[in-house]
Each structure stands twice: as structure tokens, then as C-alpha cells.
Amino acid sequence: MFNLTYKVIAISAIASTTLFATNGDNLIGVGAKARAMGGAGIALSQGAESTLINPANITKIDSTEISFGGTIFAPTIKTQMGQGSKSSSSADLSIIPEVAIATKYNENFYIGVGMYGTAGMGTDFRDNPSLFEMETTLQLMQFAVPVAYKSGGLSVGISPILQYGSLDIHYKLPPMMSGSNIGNGQTQDFGVGFSIGANYDFSSGFSAGAVYKSKIKMKYDGVLSTATAPFVAMGAFSTAMDNTLTQPAEFGVGIAYKNGVHTIAADYKRVLWSKAAGYNGFGWKDQDIFAIGYEYDAGVYALRAGYNYAKSPLTIMSGTIPSGATLNMFNILGFPATAKQHFTLGGGYKFSDSFSMDVAVVYATSSKTSADISALFGPGAKINNKHSELGATIQFNYKF
């Protein structure tokens, strides 16, 4: 039976029918300000939207702040497998909701609530038999309640995280491989984790921050086991995959410097894909993420720009053996987390002392990936993928 929390999260997730992410399956940045600055925000407070970036950063608000908005995401995915025709994925538009509240309880304690679509992947090639008519969807949304303490220049925060996830993998085997429809339907799960963070303001314009997010175990009954079972008989796997797909732990550090109207922020994060159940089965490797952002704040308006870089966590396997060819196919056809470089722009406008709006645009430059799948489809067979992304975020903020 649906409880109230399930209804709230599920309704919000419906809007994000197929998320497509940028750093692995994670969106770069949470909120319009951070996204406009390349995702940087570990050391730089962005008000209420900091709830899922670094819980310690909500201590920079003056009283109470509400932020709400969403992201329109438009990936372009083109894939070709073997001698088949090249196709564009129909999963080319999604809407990702976000809302956060933070309040100052007293001079030392602060508390907040945030709910964001944070990650996901998906492709839709239902019109192309040469691509197995593959359709995949992974949606992740996190609900966080940060509590932070401030004393002098030091702020520390902790936040429990409730994660809602939904996963589906559906495809049709070609006639030479039985022609069966494979899929167990979309399955949902909840997982629990936490984040802890710290920020120190040196009172000279400099600040430094650090954050750790725990892994969150998710189990999507029947999805991964059903999707991989046909390849057991082909010798690709000894057994079908387990249905666990754990969202990985990550840690990061950041610095920021503010001098008058100018602010520069830089972050480094490491995402531990190789230690996350499910992702490690698909051969994902740990990912280093670098983000830098700049803000010009003229008071009534602000301008922002940034850059984000991370190598793809996908490992290109040896396609001359069945297991390597199968993993190459699943990763690139169903979950092509191949974006590397992202350029960001944005800004904000204050309509009054209490009401403001922020916008961000993120563009991931085109990346090309090719992998050998000859063990499945014959000598010289390859899978080729071309991938770019465009996203726009709008956010409204109210202080009182």
C-alpha cells in the first residue's frame, strides 16, 4: 500500500521519465546556481539548494529560504551495432524536479529538507531491430533532511538520505537468438544512506569544504537477472546477474574565493563505482570529477559560468570473448554514460530582497565510443555510439 512519502516521491519521479546524466549516472550539480558553475559547490554555499551538495553549507542562510524548480534535459544518442542501421534514441527529453527548504533554528543550528532528481540513465531504440529494440530506464530521486551546526568559521552537517529508484531493461533478441522478448517490467525500490560535510570560512574571502556520501543499496527484483539470463546459455556469464544496483559512495573536497563581486569555486570528487554492487558487475571503474565555476554578482543580477570534466566510468572490454562483448553491448547500447566535458552558463535576478530567480544551461560536448562485440556477432563487429547533451534549469527562491 502507498504511504504518503511514497506518493510524494513517486509523483515527482513520473515527470522524469528517463533521466540522462553527465558524471556517470549523476547529474552535475544540484540546483541552478551549482549547475551554472560547472557543478562546483562543496565549499561555496548556494543557500537552500546546498542540501544535497554539502549539508554544512546551509549555515550560510540568514533566516529561511525555499528553492524550487526543475531541469529540462535533452540528450542526443546515436548508436550503431554491427552492420545494422544507425539510430537515434527516442529518450531525448525529460523533466527533472527539485525543491529545497532550509531554515536557521538559532545562532548555531540549521535544518533543511530537499528533494531532487539526482541521477538516471536511459535509451529507447524500440524502432530498430538491429539494436535489439532496446529500451532502458533508470530513475533516481533523493530526499534529504540536513542538520548543521556552526561555531565561528566552522560548519559541520549531517543528512540522512532516502532514495527512490526505478529500473527497467527491455529488449528483443534477434531471430537467430530465439526472437524472444526479454524484460520483467519496471521495478522500484527505496534505499537509505547519509551524507556528512564540513565547511570552514577563513574570513579572508577563502573557504574550504569536504563532503562524503555513503553508498545506497537498491534491489530491483527480476530486472538484471532477467536481462542477463539469455547470455548465460551463450557462455557470457556463469550465472545471471544479481538484481542489486547500489548507488556508489563518493567523497569530495572544494575551495572557494570571494573578492567583492567576483567568486571562484573549484571541486574535486571521486565516485566509487568499482565498489558498488551491480555497477562493478558491468565493469564500471572509479571516476574522478573536476569542476570549476565563476560568478559575477552585481547585487540585482548575477552571471555564472563553469566547466566540468570527468572520464567515462565505462570500461571497454575485450570483445573477442563472450563476457566482454556482452558487457560492451549492455553498457553502450543501454547505459551509455560516456559524456566527458561540460560547459555551463547561467545567471540570477533579484526581483526583491525576498524573491529571486536563477537559470542554468549545461552543454556536454559530443563524445564518441566504439567497442568490439565480435564474440557475439562475428569477426569485426563493433558497437558505435555518439553522445551529446543539453540541459536547462530554472529555479525560484524565496527568503523570509
Protein backbone atom coordinates (compact mmCIF):
# COMPACT_ATOMS: atom_id res chain seq x y z
CA MET A 1 0.00 0.00 0.00
CA PHE A 2 1.26 3.50 -0.84
CA ASN A 3 2.21 5.62 2.14
CA LEU A 4 2.42 9.42 1.95
CA THR A 5 6.18 9.55 1.38
CA TYR A 6 5.94 7.03 -1.45
CA LYS A 7 3.22 9.08 -3.14
CA VAL A 8 5.18 12.33 -2.97
CA ILE A 9 8.35 10.83 -4.40
CA ALA A 10 6.61 8.67 -6.99
CA ILE A 11 4.55 11.59 -8.32
CA SER A 12 7.68 13.70 -8.67
CA ALA A 13 9.54 10.86 -10.39
CA ILE A 14 6.83 10.47 -13.02
CA ALA A 15 7.98 13.79 -14.50
CA SER A 16 11.48 12.43 -15.01
CA THR A 17 10.53 9.51 -17.22
CA THR A 18 14.06 8.97 -18.49
CA LEU A 19 16.83 10.95 -16.91
CA PHE A 20 20.13 11.18 -18.65
CA ALA A 21 23.10 12.05 -16.56
CA THR A 22 26.53 13.53 -17.06
CA ASN A 23 29.06 12.22 -14.49
CA GLY A 24 28.35 8.51 -14.77
CA ASP A 25 24.65 8.45 -13.97
CA ASN A 26 24.81 11.54 -11.73
CA LEU A 27 23.72 14.99 -12.80
CA ILE A 28 26.46 17.59 -12.47
CA GLY A 29 25.49 19.84 -9.60
CA VAL A 30 22.21 20.04 -7.72
CA GLY A 31 20.29 23.26 -8.27
CA ALA A 32 20.58 26.09 -10.79
CA LYS A 33 23.44 28.01 -9.14
CA ALA A 34 25.74 24.99 -8.81
CA ARG A 35 24.88 23.71 -12.29
CA ALA A 36 25.68 27.10 -13.82
CA MET A 37 29.10 26.93 -12.12
CA GLY A 38 30.08 23.56 -13.54
CA GLY A 39 28.67 21.66 -10.57
CA ALA A 40 31.05 23.28 -8.06
CA GLY A 41 29.55 23.84 -4.62
CA ILE A 42 31.32 21.82 -1.91
CA ALA A 43 32.96 24.92 -0.41
CA LEU A 44 30.51 27.52 -1.71
CA SER A 45 27.10 27.83 -0.10
CA GLN A 46 24.22 28.20 -2.55
CA GLY A 47 21.54 28.59 0.11
CA ALA A 48 18.76 26.01 0.35
CA GLU A 49 19.93 24.19 -2.77
CA SER A 50 23.05 23.08 -0.84
CA THR A 51 21.01 20.41 0.98
CA LEU A 52 22.28 17.62 -1.29
CA ILE A 53 25.67 19.13 -2.18
CA ASN A 54 27.18 19.68 1.28
CA PRO A 55 24.83 19.71 4.30
CA ALA A 56 27.22 22.00 6.19
CA ASN A 57 26.62 24.81 3.69
CA ILE A 58 23.05 25.54 4.75
CA THR A 59 24.55 27.51 7.67
CA LYS A 60 25.12 30.46 5.32
CA ILE A 61 21.42 31.39 5.06
CA ASP A 62 20.09 34.36 7.06
CA SER A 63 16.68 33.01 8.15
CA THR A 64 14.53 30.72 5.98
CA GLU A 65 14.89 30.06 2.26
CA ILE A 66 12.86 27.99 -0.20
CA SER A 67 14.12 26.98 -3.65
CA PHE A 68 12.05 25.12 -6.23
CA GLY A 69 12.26 24.48 -9.96
CA GLY A 70 13.29 21.89 -12.48
CA THR A 71 15.59 20.87 -15.30
CA ILE A 72 14.69 20.11 -18.91
CA PHE A 73 17.20 17.60 -20.20
CA ALA A 74 17.71 16.78 -23.91
CA PRO A 75 20.35 14.15 -24.71
CA THR A 76 21.23 13.13 -28.25
CA ILE A 77 22.27 9.47 -28.50
CA LYS A 78 23.12 7.81 -31.82
CA THR A 79 24.11 4.14 -31.89
CA GLN A 80 25.03 1.52 -34.49
CA MET A 81 25.71 -2.16 -33.84
CA GLY A 82 27.40 -4.47 -36.34
CA GLN A 83 26.12 -3.96 -39.90
CA GLY A 84 22.76 -2.66 -38.70
CA SER A 85 21.44 0.84 -39.26
CA LYS A 86 22.36 3.76 -37.03
CA SER A 87 19.52 5.03 -34.82
CA SER A 88 18.85 7.97 -32.53
CA SER A 89 17.43 7.16 -29.12
CA SER A 90 13.84 8.33 -28.67
CA ALA A 91 14.58 9.00 -24.99
CA ASP A 92 15.58 12.55 -25.86
CA LEU A 93 13.62 14.75 -23.47
CA SER A 94 12.92 14.63 -19.73
CA ILE A 95 11.93 16.91 -16.86
CA ILE A 96 13.71 16.66 -13.51
CA PRO A 97 12.05 18.28 -10.45
CA GLU A 98 13.76 19.87 -7.46
CA VAL A 99 12.69 21.57 -4.22
CA ALA A 100 14.56 22.51 -1.03
CA ILE A 101 13.92 24.40 2.20
CA ALA A 102 16.48 25.50 4.79
CA THR A 103 15.96 27.50 7.97
CA LYS A 104 18.05 28.99 10.75
CA TYR A 105 16.85 27.45 14.02
CA ASN A 106 19.11 29.57 16.24
CA GLU A 107 22.59 31.11 16.13
CA ASN A 108 24.24 27.69 15.93
CA PHE A 109 21.78 25.19 14.47
CA TYR A 110 20.24 24.98 11.00
CA ILE A 111 17.91 22.42 9.42
CA GLY A 112 16.66 21.77 5.90
CA VAL A 113 14.66 19.49 3.63
CA GLY A 114 15.45 18.75 -0.01
CA MET A 115 14.06 16.51 -2.74
CA TYR A 116 15.81 16.31 -6.10
CA GLY A 117 16.01 14.11 -9.15
CA THR A 118 19.73 13.36 -8.85
CA ALA A 119 20.62 10.67 -11.36
CA GLY A 120 19.50 8.32 -14.07
CA MET A 121 20.11 6.85 -17.49
CA GLY A 122 18.08 5.53 -20.38
CA THR A 123 17.81 4.83 -24.10
CA ASP A 124 14.93 3.93 -26.38
CA PHE A 125 15.61 2.04 -29.63
CA ARG A 126 12.25 0.27 -29.89
CA ASP A 127 12.06 1.00 -33.63
CA ASN A 128 15.37 -0.67 -34.54
CA PRO A 129 15.56 -4.50 -34.53
CA SER A 130 19.33 -4.36 -35.22
CA LEU A 131 19.71 -2.71 -31.79
CA PHE A 132 17.62 -5.41 -30.08
CA GLU A 133 14.76 -2.87 -29.81
CA MET A 134 16.47 -1.99 -26.52
CA GLU A 135 14.65 0.24 -24.03
CA THR A 136 16.16 1.09 -20.64
CA THR A 137 15.18 3.41 -17.83
CA LEU A 138 16.93 4.21 -14.55
CA GLN A 139 15.45 6.98 -12.37
CA LEU A 140 16.83 8.12 -9.02
CA MET A 141 15.42 10.71 -6.66
CA GLN A 142 16.79 11.62 -3.23
CA PHE A 143 15.02 13.08 -0.21
CA ALA A 144 17.36 14.61 2.40
CA VAL A 145 16.95 16.28 5.80
CA PRO A 146 20.25 18.04 6.65
CA VAL A 147 21.06 19.28 10.15
CA ALA A 148 24.04 21.60 10.53
CA TYR A 149 25.95 23.26 13.36
CA LYS A 150 28.00 26.44 13.10
CA SER A 151 30.58 27.81 15.51
CA GLY A 152 32.81 30.65 14.38
CA GLY A 153 34.11 29.89 10.91
CA LEU A 154 33.48 26.14 11.17
CA SER A 155 30.26 24.49 9.97
CA VAL A 156 29.52 20.77 10.09
CA GLY A 157 26.44 18.98 8.83
CA ILE A 158 24.89 15.55 8.52
CA SER A 159 21.94 14.44 6.45
CA PRO A 160 20.02 11.15 6.25
CA ILE A 161 19.03 10.37 2.66
CA LEU A 162 16.02 8.39 1.44
CA GLN A 163 16.44 7.34 -2.19
CA TYR A 164 13.69 6.25 -4.56
CA GLY A 165 14.79 4.29 -7.61
CA SER A 166 13.14 2.73 -10.64
CA LEU A 167 14.83 0.43 -13.17
CA ASP A 168 13.66 -1.28 -16.35
CA ILE A 169 15.54 -3.15 -19.10
CA HIS A 170 13.57 -4.47 -22.05
CA TYR A 171 14.80 -5.82 -25.38
CA LYS A 172 14.01 -8.35 -28.10
CA LEU A 173 16.51 -10.99 -29.16
CA PRO A 174 17.07 -11.33 -32.93
CA PRO A 175 15.57 -14.39 -34.69
CA MET A 176 18.91 -16.23 -34.70
CA MET A 177 18.93 -15.94 -30.88
CA SER A 178 15.29 -17.13 -30.38
CA GLY A 179 13.49 -13.82 -31.09
CA SER A 180 12.11 -13.68 -27.54
CA ASN A 181 11.02 -10.52 -25.75
CA ILE A 182 13.16 -10.09 -22.65
CA GLY A 183 12.12 -7.97 -19.70
CA ASN A 184 10.45 -8.18 -16.34
CA GLY A 185 8.85 -4.73 -16.27
CA GLN A 186 9.77 -1.63 -14.31
CA THR A 187 10.72 -2.32 -10.68
CA GLN A 188 11.06 0.19 -7.84
CA ASP A 189 12.88 0.24 -4.54
CA PHE A 190 13.82 2.51 -1.65
CA GLY A 191 17.26 2.76 -0.09
CA VAL A 192 18.73 4.68 2.83
CA GLY A 193 22.08 6.43 3.14
CA PHE A 194 23.63 9.59 4.53
CA SER A 195 25.99 12.44 3.81
CA ILE A 196 28.32 14.33 6.12
CA GLY A 197 30.12 17.53 5.35
CA ALA A 198 32.17 20.39 6.70
CA ASN A 199 32.98 23.94 5.65
CA TYR A 200 35.48 26.40 7.07
CA ASP A 201 35.28 30.13 6.36
CA PHE A 202 38.70 31.76 6.77
CA SER A 203 37.16 35.28 6.90
CA SER A 204 39.52 36.43 4.16
CA GLY A 205 37.32 35.52 1.24
CA PHE A 206 38.56 31.92 1.25
CA SER A 207 36.50 28.91 2.28
CA ALA A 208 37.15 25.18 2.10
CA GLY A 209 34.78 22.25 2.24
CA ALA A 210 34.65 18.48 2.30
CA VAL A 211 31.79 16.00 1.91
CA TYR A 212 31.19 12.25 2.00
CA LYS A 213 28.07 10.47 0.70
CA SER A 214 27.51 6.85 1.63
CA LYS A 215 26.55 4.14 -0.81
CA ILE A 216 22.85 3.35 -1.06
CA LYS A 217 21.87 -0.26 -1.71
CA MET A 218 19.00 -0.74 -4.16
CA LYS A 219 17.45 -4.02 -5.31
CA TYR A 220 15.29 -4.13 -8.44
CA ASP A 221 13.67 -7.57 -8.29
CA GLY A 222 13.87 -9.51 -11.53
CA VAL A 223 15.38 -6.77 -13.71
CA LEU A 224 19.11 -7.50 -14.02
CA SER A 225 18.70 -11.26 -13.61
CA THR A 226 16.09 -11.41 -16.39
CA ALA A 227 18.11 -9.13 -18.71
CA THR A 228 21.32 -11.15 -18.41
CA ALA A 229 19.86 -14.69 -18.24
CA PRO A 230 19.78 -15.26 -22.06
CA PHE A 231 23.53 -14.69 -22.25
CA VAL A 232 24.30 -17.38 -19.68
CA ALA A 233 23.45 -20.07 -22.26
CA MET A 234 25.82 -18.34 -24.70
CA GLY A 235 28.68 -18.62 -22.22
CA ALA A 236 28.89 -14.90 -21.50
CA PHE A 237 28.18 -15.39 -17.78
CA SER A 238 28.31 -18.38 -15.46
CA THR A 239 25.10 -17.21 -13.78
CA ALA A 240 22.63 -14.38 -14.29
CA MET A 241 23.48 -11.12 -12.52
CA ASP A 242 22.12 -10.32 -9.10
CA ASN A 243 19.37 -7.67 -9.02
CA THR A 244 21.26 -5.33 -6.69
CA LEU A 245 22.33 -1.98 -8.16
CA THR A 246 23.94 0.04 -5.39
CA GLN A 247 24.35 3.76 -5.87
CA PRO A 248 28.05 4.28 -5.09
CA ALA A 249 29.71 6.14 -2.26
CA GLU A 250 31.53 9.35 -3.15
CA PHE A 251 33.73 11.91 -1.46
CA GLY A 252 34.91 15.35 -2.44
CA VAL A 253 36.74 18.49 -1.44
CA GLY A 254 36.37 22.05 -2.61
CA ILE A 255 37.70 25.58 -2.27
CA ALA A 256 36.10 28.94 -2.98
CA TYR A 257 37.31 32.52 -3.01
CA LYS A 258 35.12 35.64 -2.96
CA ASN A 259 36.51 39.11 -3.63
CA GLY A 260 33.86 41.77 -3.96
CA VAL A 261 31.60 40.92 -6.89
CA HIS A 262 33.83 38.03 -8.03
CA THR A 263 33.66 34.43 -6.79
CA ILE A 264 35.63 31.40 -7.97
CA ALA A 265 34.90 27.84 -6.78
CA ALA A 266 36.58 24.53 -7.60
CA ASP A 267 35.69 20.96 -6.60
CA TYR A 268 37.21 17.51 -6.84
CA LYS A 269 35.06 14.40 -6.33
CA ARG A 270 35.73 10.68 -6.58
CA VAL A 271 32.82 8.31 -7.21
CA LEU A 272 33.47 4.69 -6.20
CA TRP A 273 31.65 2.82 -8.98
CA SER A 274 34.00 -0.16 -8.78
CA LYS A 275 32.87 -0.86 -5.20
CA ALA A 276 29.15 -0.57 -5.93
CA ALA A 277 27.26 -3.85 -6.46
CA GLY A 278 25.83 -4.07 -9.95
CA TYR A 279 27.98 -1.33 -11.45
CA ASN A 280 31.11 -3.37 -10.71
CA GLY A 281 29.44 -6.34 -12.43
CA PHE A 282 29.17 -4.19 -15.55
CA GLY A 283 32.85 -3.26 -15.21
CA TRP A 284 32.42 0.38 -14.19
CA LYS A 285 35.57 1.98 -12.77
CA ASP A 286 36.01 4.74 -10.20
CA GLN A 287 35.57 8.24 -11.58
CA ASP A 288 37.46 11.46 -10.83
CA ILE A 289 35.40 14.62 -11.37
CA PHE A 290 36.82 18.13 -11.67
CA ALA A 291 34.59 21.21 -11.61
CA ILE A 292 35.35 24.92 -11.67
CA GLY A 293 32.94 27.84 -11.68
CA TYR A 294 32.90 31.64 -11.68
CA GLU A 295 30.25 34.10 -10.52
CA TYR A 296 29.93 37.85 -11.06
CA ASP A 297 27.42 39.16 -8.52
CA ALA A 298 26.28 42.73 -9.20
CA GLY A 299 23.63 42.64 -6.49
CA VAL A 300 20.42 42.79 -8.52
CA TYR A 301 21.76 40.32 -11.06
CA ALA A 302 24.46 37.66 -11.22
CA LEU A 303 26.29 35.96 -14.09
CA ARG A 304 27.83 32.49 -13.82
CA ALA A 305 29.95 30.15 -15.93
CA GLY A 306 31.71 26.85 -15.37
CA TYR A 307 33.42 23.74 -16.69
CA ASN A 308 33.14 20.11 -15.60
CA TYR A 309 35.34 17.21 -16.68
CA ALA A 310 35.26 13.50 -15.89
CA LYS A 311 36.30 10.46 -17.88
CA SER A 312 33.57 7.92 -18.54
CA PRO A 313 33.39 5.19 -15.88
CA LEU A 314 32.70 2.56 -18.57
CA THR A 315 35.42 0.01 -19.21
CA ILE A 316 35.77 -1.11 -22.81
CA MET A 317 36.17 -4.89 -22.55
CA SER A 318 37.80 -7.33 -24.92
CA GLY A 319 35.01 -8.12 -27.34
CA THR A 320 36.67 -11.29 -28.59
CA ILE A 321 35.32 -13.17 -25.56
CA PRO A 322 31.56 -13.53 -24.90
CA SER A 323 31.53 -11.81 -21.50
CA GLY A 324 33.42 -8.78 -22.78
CA ALA A 325 31.26 -8.43 -25.89
CA THR A 326 28.06 -8.73 -23.83
CA LEU A 327 29.12 -6.10 -21.30
CA ASN A 328 30.19 -3.75 -24.11
CA MET A 329 26.76 -4.15 -25.67
CA PHE A 330 24.78 -3.56 -22.46
CA ASN A 331 26.89 -0.57 -21.37
CA ILE A 332 26.97 1.27 -24.69
CA LEU A 333 23.55 0.33 -26.02
CA GLY A 334 21.52 0.54 -22.80
CA PHE A 335 23.53 2.76 -20.43
CA PRO A 336 25.98 4.93 -22.41
CA ALA A 337 27.43 7.03 -19.57
CA THR A 338 30.03 8.45 -21.93
CA ALA A 339 29.80 12.25 -21.54
CA LYS A 340 33.11 13.84 -20.55
CA GLN A 341 33.27 17.63 -20.99
CA HIS A 342 30.54 20.03 -19.89
CA PHE A 343 30.36 23.79 -20.40
CA THR A 344 27.88 25.73 -18.29
CA LEU A 345 26.35 29.22 -18.25
CA GLY A 346 23.71 30.87 -16.14
CA GLY A 347 22.67 33.76 -14.00
CA GLY A 348 20.24 35.11 -11.48
CA TYR A 349 17.97 38.08 -10.97
CA LYS A 350 16.58 39.53 -7.72
CA PHE A 351 13.06 40.83 -8.12
CA SER A 352 13.13 41.94 -4.48
CA ASP A 353 15.07 41.29 -1.29
CA SER A 354 12.97 38.15 -0.75
CA PHE A 355 12.30 36.79 -4.25
CA SER A 356 14.81 35.77 -6.94
CA MET A 357 15.23 33.53 -9.95
CA ASP A 358 18.24 31.54 -11.21
CA VAL A 359 18.82 29.80 -14.53
CA ALA A 360 21.50 27.48 -15.89
CA VAL A 361 22.36 25.88 -19.22
CA VAL A 362 24.61 22.82 -19.43
CA TYR A 363 26.09 21.52 -22.68
CA ALA A 364 28.02 18.25 -22.83
CA THR A 365 30.17 18.18 -25.94
CA SER A 366 29.84 15.25 -28.33
CA SER A 367 31.75 12.12 -27.33
CA LYS A 368 32.27 9.03 -29.49
CA THR A 369 32.69 5.49 -28.17
CA SER A 370 33.41 2.28 -30.05
CA ALA A 371 33.79 -1.27 -28.74
CA ASP A 372 34.39 -4.75 -30.12
CA ILE A 373 31.41 -7.17 -29.94
CA SER A 374 32.81 -9.79 -32.35
CA ALA A 375 32.35 -12.72 -29.94
CA LEU A 376 28.58 -12.24 -30.27
CA PHE A 377 28.16 -11.00 -33.84
CA GLY A 378 31.12 -12.26 -35.82
CA PRO A 379 34.60 -11.02 -36.82
CA GLY A 380 35.00 -7.28 -36.97
CA ALA A 381 31.61 -6.48 -35.39
CA LYS A 382 31.56 -3.28 -33.36
CA ILE A 383 29.11 -1.09 -31.48
CA ASN A 384 29.48 2.65 -32.05
CA ASN A 385 27.92 5.44 -30.04
CA LYS A 386 27.83 9.24 -30.33
CA HIS A 387 26.50 11.18 -27.38
CA SER A 388 25.91 14.85 -26.52
CA GLU A 389 23.65 16.62 -24.01
CA LEU A 390 21.85 19.90 -23.48
CA GLY A 391 20.06 20.85 -20.27
CA ALA A 392 18.32 23.96 -18.97
CA THR A 393 17.43 24.63 -15.32
CA ILE A 394 15.15 27.29 -13.86
CA GLN A 395 14.83 27.86 -10.14
CA PHE A 396 12.87 30.29 -7.97
CA ASN A 397 13.97 31.29 -4.48
CA TYR A 398 12.04 32.90 -1.67
CA LYS A 399 13.53 34.20 1.59
CA PHE A 400 11.59 35.18 4.68
